[in-house]
Amino acid sequence: MKFLVRRYYSGFCTYEVDAEDEDAAYNIARHLPIDEDEILSTLEDWRHADEVEVIEDNED
């Protein structure tokens, strides 16, 4: 059998921003560029989001 497997990971980027409140800080940070090195170094398995589906069944 052949399967299509999608593995999901969670990661994060850290930002320091000046803002009036938490909502404003979040909105500022979400528009900043992603630090690819940091996001890759913080990846963790997100198993409950992974998907596996049969794409070819050779048992016929």
N, C-alpha and C. Protein backbone atom coordinates (compact mmCIF):
# COMPACT_ATOMS: atom_id res chain seq x y z
N MET A 1 0.84 -1.18 0.00
CA MET A 1 0.00 0.00 0.00
C MET A 1 0.89 1.24 0.00
N LYS A 2 0.36 2.28 -0.57
CA LYS A 2 1.07 3.55 -0.58
C LYS A 2 0.24 4.56 0.19
N PHE A 3 0.92 5.38 1.00
CA PHE A 3 0.25 6.35 1.85
C PHE A 3 0.79 7.75 1.61
N LEU A 4 -0.07 8.72 1.77
CA LEU A 4 0.32 10.12 1.79
C LEU A 4 0.29 10.54 3.26
N VAL A 5 1.43 10.99 3.77
CA VAL A 5 1.55 11.35 5.18
C VAL A 5 1.88 12.83 5.29
N ARG A 6 1.09 13.55 6.06
CA ARG A 6 1.37 14.96 6.34
C ARG A 6 1.72 15.08 7.82
N ARG A 7 2.95 15.49 8.11
CA ARG A 7 3.39 15.68 9.49
C ARG A 7 3.39 17.16 9.78
N TYR A 8 2.75 17.53 10.85
CA TYR A 8 2.66 18.93 11.25
C TYR A 8 3.58 19.18 12.44
N TYR A 9 4.10 20.38 12.48
CA TYR A 9 4.99 20.78 13.57
C TYR A 9 4.55 22.14 14.08
N SER A 10 4.83 22.37 15.33
CA SER A 10 4.57 23.70 15.88
C SER A 10 5.91 24.33 16.22
N GLY A 11 6.00 25.60 16.05
CA GLY A 11 7.21 26.35 16.37
C GLY A 11 6.82 27.77 16.69
N PHE A 12 7.79 28.58 17.03
CA PHE A 12 7.45 29.96 17.36
C PHE A 12 8.61 30.88 17.07
N CYS A 13 8.30 32.14 16.96
CA CYS A 13 9.27 33.22 16.85
C CYS A 13 9.02 34.17 18.02
N THR A 14 10.09 34.73 18.54
CA THR A 14 10.00 35.64 19.68
C THR A 14 10.29 37.06 19.20
N TYR A 15 9.46 38.00 19.62
CA TYR A 15 9.63 39.40 19.24
C TYR A 15 9.58 40.28 20.48
N GLU A 16 10.36 41.33 20.48
CA GLU A 16 10.24 42.38 21.50
C GLU A 16 9.72 43.62 20.78
N VAL A 17 8.56 44.11 21.22
CA VAL A 17 7.94 45.27 20.57
C VAL A 17 7.48 46.27 21.62
N ASP A 18 7.44 47.53 21.25
CA ASP A 18 6.87 48.57 22.09
C ASP A 18 5.42 48.78 21.66
N ALA A 19 4.49 48.74 22.62
CA ALA A 19 3.07 48.90 22.30
C ALA A 19 2.32 49.41 23.52
N GLU A 20 1.08 49.86 23.29
CA GLU A 20 0.23 50.37 24.36
C GLU A 20 -0.39 49.25 25.21
N ASP A 21 -0.66 48.08 24.59
CA ASP A 21 -1.27 46.98 25.32
C ASP A 21 -0.96 45.66 24.61
N GLU A 22 -1.44 44.54 25.17
CA GLU A 22 -1.14 43.22 24.62
C GLU A 22 -1.69 43.05 23.20
N ASP A 23 -2.90 43.53 22.95
CA ASP A 23 -3.48 43.41 21.61
C ASP A 23 -2.64 44.15 20.58
N ALA A 24 -2.22 45.35 20.92
CA ALA A 24 -1.39 46.13 20.00
C ALA A 24 -0.04 45.44 19.79
N ALA A 25 0.54 44.90 20.85
CA ALA A 25 1.82 44.20 20.73
C ALA A 25 1.68 43.00 19.81
N TYR A 26 0.60 42.24 19.96
CA TYR A 26 0.36 41.08 19.10
C TYR A 26 0.22 41.52 17.64
N ASN A 27 -0.55 42.56 17.39
CA ASN A 27 -0.76 43.03 16.02
C ASN A 27 0.53 43.53 15.38
N ILE A 28 1.38 44.18 16.16
CA ILE A 28 2.67 44.62 15.63
C ILE A 28 3.54 43.40 15.30
N ALA A 29 3.63 42.46 16.24
CA ALA A 29 4.50 41.30 16.06
C ALA A 29 4.06 40.41 14.90
N ARG A 30 2.76 40.29 14.68
CA ARG A 30 2.30 39.39 13.61
C ARG A 30 2.62 39.92 12.23
N HIS A 31 3.01 41.19 12.12
CA HIS A 31 3.39 41.76 10.84
C HIS A 31 4.91 41.84 10.64
N LEU A 32 5.66 41.39 11.63
CA LEU A 32 7.11 41.38 11.52
C LEU A 32 7.57 40.13 10.77
N PRO A 33 8.75 40.17 10.16
CA PRO A 33 9.23 39.01 9.42
C PRO A 33 9.49 37.81 10.35
N ILE A 34 9.34 36.63 9.80
CA ILE A 34 9.60 35.40 10.54
C ILE A 34 11.11 35.17 10.58
N ASP A 35 11.61 34.84 11.76
CA ASP A 35 13.02 34.47 11.92
C ASP A 35 13.12 32.98 11.62
N GLU A 36 13.54 32.64 10.40
CA GLU A 36 13.54 31.24 9.96
C GLU A 36 14.42 30.36 10.84
N ASP A 37 15.56 30.87 11.30
CA ASP A 37 16.44 30.07 12.16
C ASP A 37 15.76 29.74 13.48
N GLU A 38 15.08 30.73 14.07
CA GLU A 38 14.42 30.48 15.35
C GLU A 38 13.25 29.52 15.18
N ILE A 39 12.46 29.71 14.15
CA ILE A 39 11.29 28.84 14.00
C ILE A 39 11.71 27.40 13.73
N LEU A 40 12.80 27.21 12.98
CA LEU A 40 13.28 25.85 12.74
C LEU A 40 13.86 25.22 14.01
N SER A 41 14.48 26.03 14.85
CA SER A 41 15.09 25.48 16.07
C SER A 41 14.06 25.21 17.17
N THR A 42 12.83 25.68 17.02
CA THR A 42 11.81 25.46 18.05
C THR A 42 10.72 24.49 17.62
N LEU A 43 10.91 23.83 16.48
CA LEU A 43 9.88 22.91 16.00
C LEU A 43 9.69 21.73 16.94
N GLU A 44 8.43 21.38 17.17
CA GLU A 44 8.07 20.20 17.94
C GLU A 44 6.97 19.46 17.18
N ASP A 45 6.97 18.13 17.32
CA ASP A 45 5.91 17.34 16.69
C ASP A 45 4.55 17.80 17.18
N TRP A 46 3.60 17.81 16.26
CA TRP A 46 2.21 18.16 16.58
C TRP A 46 1.37 16.98 16.13
N ARG A 47 1.58 15.84 16.78
CA ARG A 47 1.07 14.54 16.34
C ARG A 47 -0.44 14.53 16.11
N HIS A 48 -1.21 15.17 16.98
CA HIS A 48 -2.67 15.10 16.84
C HIS A 48 -3.17 15.80 15.57
N ALA A 49 -2.30 16.56 14.89
CA ALA A 49 -2.70 17.21 13.65
C ALA A 49 -2.23 16.44 12.42
N ASP A 50 -1.36 15.43 12.61
CA ASP A 50 -0.84 14.66 11.48
C ASP A 50 -1.96 13.91 10.77
N GLU A 51 -1.74 13.65 9.49
CA GLU A 51 -2.74 12.95 8.68
C GLU A 51 -2.06 11.85 7.88
N VAL A 52 -2.73 10.71 7.76
CA VAL A 52 -2.26 9.62 6.91
C VAL A 52 -3.46 9.15 6.11
N GLU A 53 -3.28 9.04 4.79
CA GLU A 53 -4.37 8.55 3.95
C GLU A 53 -3.82 7.59 2.91
N VAL A 54 -4.60 6.58 2.59
CA VAL A 54 -4.23 5.62 1.56
C VAL A 54 -4.37 6.30 0.21
N ILE A 55 -3.32 6.22 -0.62
CA ILE A 55 -3.43 6.77 -1.97
C ILE A 55 -3.35 5.68 -3.03
N GLU A 56 -2.90 4.48 -2.62
CA GLU A 56 -2.88 3.37 -3.56
C GLU A 56 -2.99 2.08 -2.76
N ASP A 57 -3.99 1.27 -3.06
CA ASP A 57 -4.19 0.02 -2.36
C ASP A 57 -3.82 -1.11 -3.29
N ASN A 58 -2.69 -1.77 -3.02
CA ASN A 58 -2.20 -2.85 -3.88
C ASN A 58 -2.74 -4.20 -3.48
N GLU A 59 -3.66 -4.26 -2.56
CA GLU A 59 -4.18 -5.54 -2.07
C GLU A 59 -5.34 -6.06 -2.90
N ASP A 60 -5.63 -5.44 -4.01
CA ASP A 60 -6.74 -5.90 -4.87
C ASP A 60 -6.38 -7.14 -5.64
